[in-house]
């Protein structure tokens, strides 16, 4: 390593590199490379066992977190589902009432139109025919 430093200093003196470039080179020379074990030093079986242990630990951690999340979310999901079901039932009731009211109004208008036609045909006043039809309607509903 001493020879490499002298070589870098010689490059500076010859003007081939700047002092900043030399500092970068000298800094790089000063770093010691890390020594990692060669793959040949560790058998395949040992590496496989290490991987399996890591994978098992990861799977266990994920399972634990998923279970915890489920336990935390279960009451919230049940509450939200119940609220949605109740709201849906309420909306269905409202729609049903509205349809019933609309149907009742349509039947009333139809009965009025029928009474007016009958009154015109019989030569009666529409009010008298409506009273007669109302009595008939009440009697029909009582029979049902």
Protein backbone atom coordinates (compact mmCIF):
# COMPACT_ATOMS: atom_id res chain seq x y z
CA UNK A 1 0.00 0.00 0.00
CA UNK A 2 2.96 2.26 0.62
CA UNK A 3 3.97 1.94 -3.03
CA UNK A 4 0.52 3.01 -4.22
CA UNK A 5 0.68 6.16 -2.08
CA UNK A 6 4.09 7.05 -3.48
CA UNK A 7 2.77 6.49 -6.98
CA UNK A 8 -0.16 8.89 -6.36
CA UNK A 9 2.25 11.52 -4.96
CA UNK A 10 4.47 11.08 -8.01
CA UNK A 11 1.45 11.70 -10.29
CA UNK A 12 0.83 14.99 -8.49
CA UNK A 13 4.46 16.07 -8.89
CA UNK A 14 4.33 15.28 -12.60
CA UNK A 15 1.12 17.36 -12.90
CA UNK A 16 -0.88 14.43 -14.21
CA UNK A 17 -3.55 14.73 -11.45
CA UNK A 18 -4.70 17.52 -9.16
CA UNK A 19 -4.37 17.53 -5.40
CA UNK A 20 -8.13 16.94 -5.06
CA UNK A 21 -7.94 13.89 -7.30
CA UNK A 22 -4.99 12.63 -5.30
CA UNK A 23 -6.90 13.08 -2.05
CA UNK A 24 -9.73 10.98 -3.45
CA UNK A 25 -7.30 8.26 -4.54
CA UNK A 26 -5.48 8.25 -1.20
CA UNK A 27 -8.78 8.07 0.68
CA UNK A 28 -9.81 5.10 -1.43
CA UNK A 29 -6.48 3.40 -0.72
CA UNK A 30 -6.94 3.98 3.01
CA UNK A 31 -10.18 2.01 3.17
CA UNK A 32 -9.79 -1.62 4.06
CA UNK A 33 -11.93 -4.01 2.07
CA UNK A 34 -14.41 -6.10 4.07
CA UNK A 35 -13.69 -9.74 4.19
CA UNK A 36 -16.79 -11.83 3.62
CA UNK A 37 -16.80 -15.55 3.98
CA UNK A 38 -16.56 -17.29 0.67
CA UNK A 39 -19.57 -19.28 -0.39
CA UNK A 40 -17.41 -22.36 -0.41
CA UNK A 41 -16.75 -21.92 3.33
CA UNK A 42 -20.46 -22.47 4.14
CA UNK A 43 -22.12 -25.63 2.90
CA UNK A 44 -25.30 -25.55 0.88
CA UNK A 45 -27.16 -27.39 3.63
CA UNK A 46 -26.13 -24.78 6.21
CA UNK A 47 -27.28 -21.94 3.96
CA UNK A 48 -30.53 -23.75 3.27
CA UNK A 49 -31.17 -24.28 6.99
CA UNK A 50 -30.47 -20.60 7.65
CA UNK A 51 -32.89 -19.59 4.89
CA UNK A 52 -35.58 -21.95 6.19
CA UNK A 53 -35.24 -20.55 9.69
CA UNK A 54 -35.53 -17.00 8.36
CA UNK A 55 -38.56 -17.91 6.24
CA UNK A 56 -40.25 -19.66 9.17
CA UNK A 57 -39.67 -16.66 11.44
CA UNK A 58 -41.04 -14.32 8.77
CA UNK A 59 -44.13 -16.50 8.24
CA UNK A 60 -44.78 -16.66 11.99
CA UNK A 61 -44.46 -12.88 12.29
CA UNK A 62 -46.85 -12.30 9.38
CA UNK A 63 -49.32 -14.79 10.84
CA UNK A 64 -49.21 -13.13 14.25
CA UNK A 65 -49.75 -9.69 12.76
CA UNK A 66 -52.59 -10.91 10.53
CA UNK A 67 -54.34 -12.53 13.49
CA UNK A 68 -53.93 -9.38 15.57
CA UNK A 69 -55.29 -7.24 12.75
CA UNK A 70 -58.27 -9.57 12.34
CA UNK A 71 -59.05 -9.44 16.06
CA UNK A 72 -58.85 -5.65 15.99
CA UNK A 73 -61.02 -5.31 12.90
CA UNK A 74 -63.69 -7.94 13.63
CA UNK A 75 -65.84 -5.81 15.98
CA UNK A 76 -65.55 -2.82 13.68
CA UNK A 77 -66.61 -4.86 10.65
CA UNK A 78 -69.56 -6.35 12.56
CA UNK A 79 -70.67 -2.91 13.74
CA UNK A 80 -70.39 -1.43 10.25
CA UNK A 81 -72.25 -4.38 8.73
CA UNK A 82 -75.07 -4.06 11.25
CA UNK A 83 -75.34 -0.32 10.64
CA UNK A 84 -75.46 -0.89 6.88
CA UNK A 85 -78.16 -3.57 7.27
CA UNK A 86 -80.29 -1.30 9.47
CA UNK A 87 -79.91 1.62 7.10
CA UNK A 88 -80.82 -0.60 4.15
CA UNK A 89 -83.94 -1.82 5.97
CA UNK A 90 -84.88 1.77 6.77
CA UNK A 91 -84.48 2.82 3.13
CA UNK A 92 -86.56 -0.16 1.97
CA UNK A 93 -89.30 0.79 4.44
CA UNK A 94 -89.26 4.39 3.19
CA UNK A 95 -89.45 3.27 -0.45
CA UNK A 96 -92.25 0.84 0.37
CA UNK A 97 -94.27 3.59 2.11
CA UNK A 98 -93.70 5.96 -0.76
CA UNK A 99 -94.81 3.37 -3.31
CA UNK A 100 -97.90 2.55 -1.23
CA UNK A 101 -98.81 6.25 -1.01
CA UNK A 102 -98.31 6.69 -4.76
CA UNK A 103 -100.42 3.62 -5.49
CA UNK A 104 -103.18 4.86 -3.15
CA UNK A 105 -103.19 8.26 -4.86
CA UNK A 106 -103.36 6.62 -8.28
CA UNK A 107 -106.29 4.46 -7.17
CA UNK A 108 -108.08 7.52 -5.78
CA UNK A 109 -107.59 9.42 -9.03
CA UNK A 110 -108.75 6.43 -11.02
CA UNK A 111 -111.84 6.09 -8.84
CA UNK A 112 -112.58 9.81 -9.18
CA UNK A 113 -112.25 9.61 -12.95
CA UNK A 114 -114.52 6.55 -13.04
CA UNK A 115 -117.09 8.32 -10.84
CA UNK A 116 -117.01 11.42 -13.02
CA UNK A 117 -117.55 9.33 -16.14
CA UNK A 118 -120.40 7.44 -14.47
CA UNK A 119 -121.97 10.72 -13.31
CA UNK A 120 -121.76 12.21 -16.76
CA UNK A 121 -123.32 9.10 -18.25
CA UNK A 122 -126.10 9.03 -15.63
CA UNK A 123 -126.58 12.78 -15.68
CA UNK A 124 -125.74 13.22 -11.96
CA UNK A 125 -123.48 15.76 -10.37
CA UNK A 126 -119.90 14.49 -9.90
CA UNK A 127 -120.07 15.06 -6.13
CA UNK A 128 -123.14 12.83 -5.76
CA UNK A 129 -121.50 10.08 -7.84
CA UNK A 130 -118.33 10.32 -5.74
CA UNK A 131 -120.36 9.85 -2.54
CA UNK A 132 -122.08 6.81 -4.00
CA UNK A 133 -118.77 5.34 -5.17
CA UNK A 134 -117.22 6.04 -1.76
CA UNK A 135 -120.01 4.06 -0.10
CA UNK A 136 -119.48 1.21 -2.58
CA UNK A 137 -115.70 1.34 -1.99
CA UNK A 138 -116.18 1.22 1.78
CA UNK A 139 -118.50 -1.77 1.46
CA UNK A 140 -115.98 -3.57 -0.83
CA UNK A 141 -113.13 -2.95 1.61
CA UNK A 142 -115.23 -4.23 4.50
CA UNK A 143 -115.86 -7.47 2.60
CA UNK A 144 -112.14 -8.01 2.13
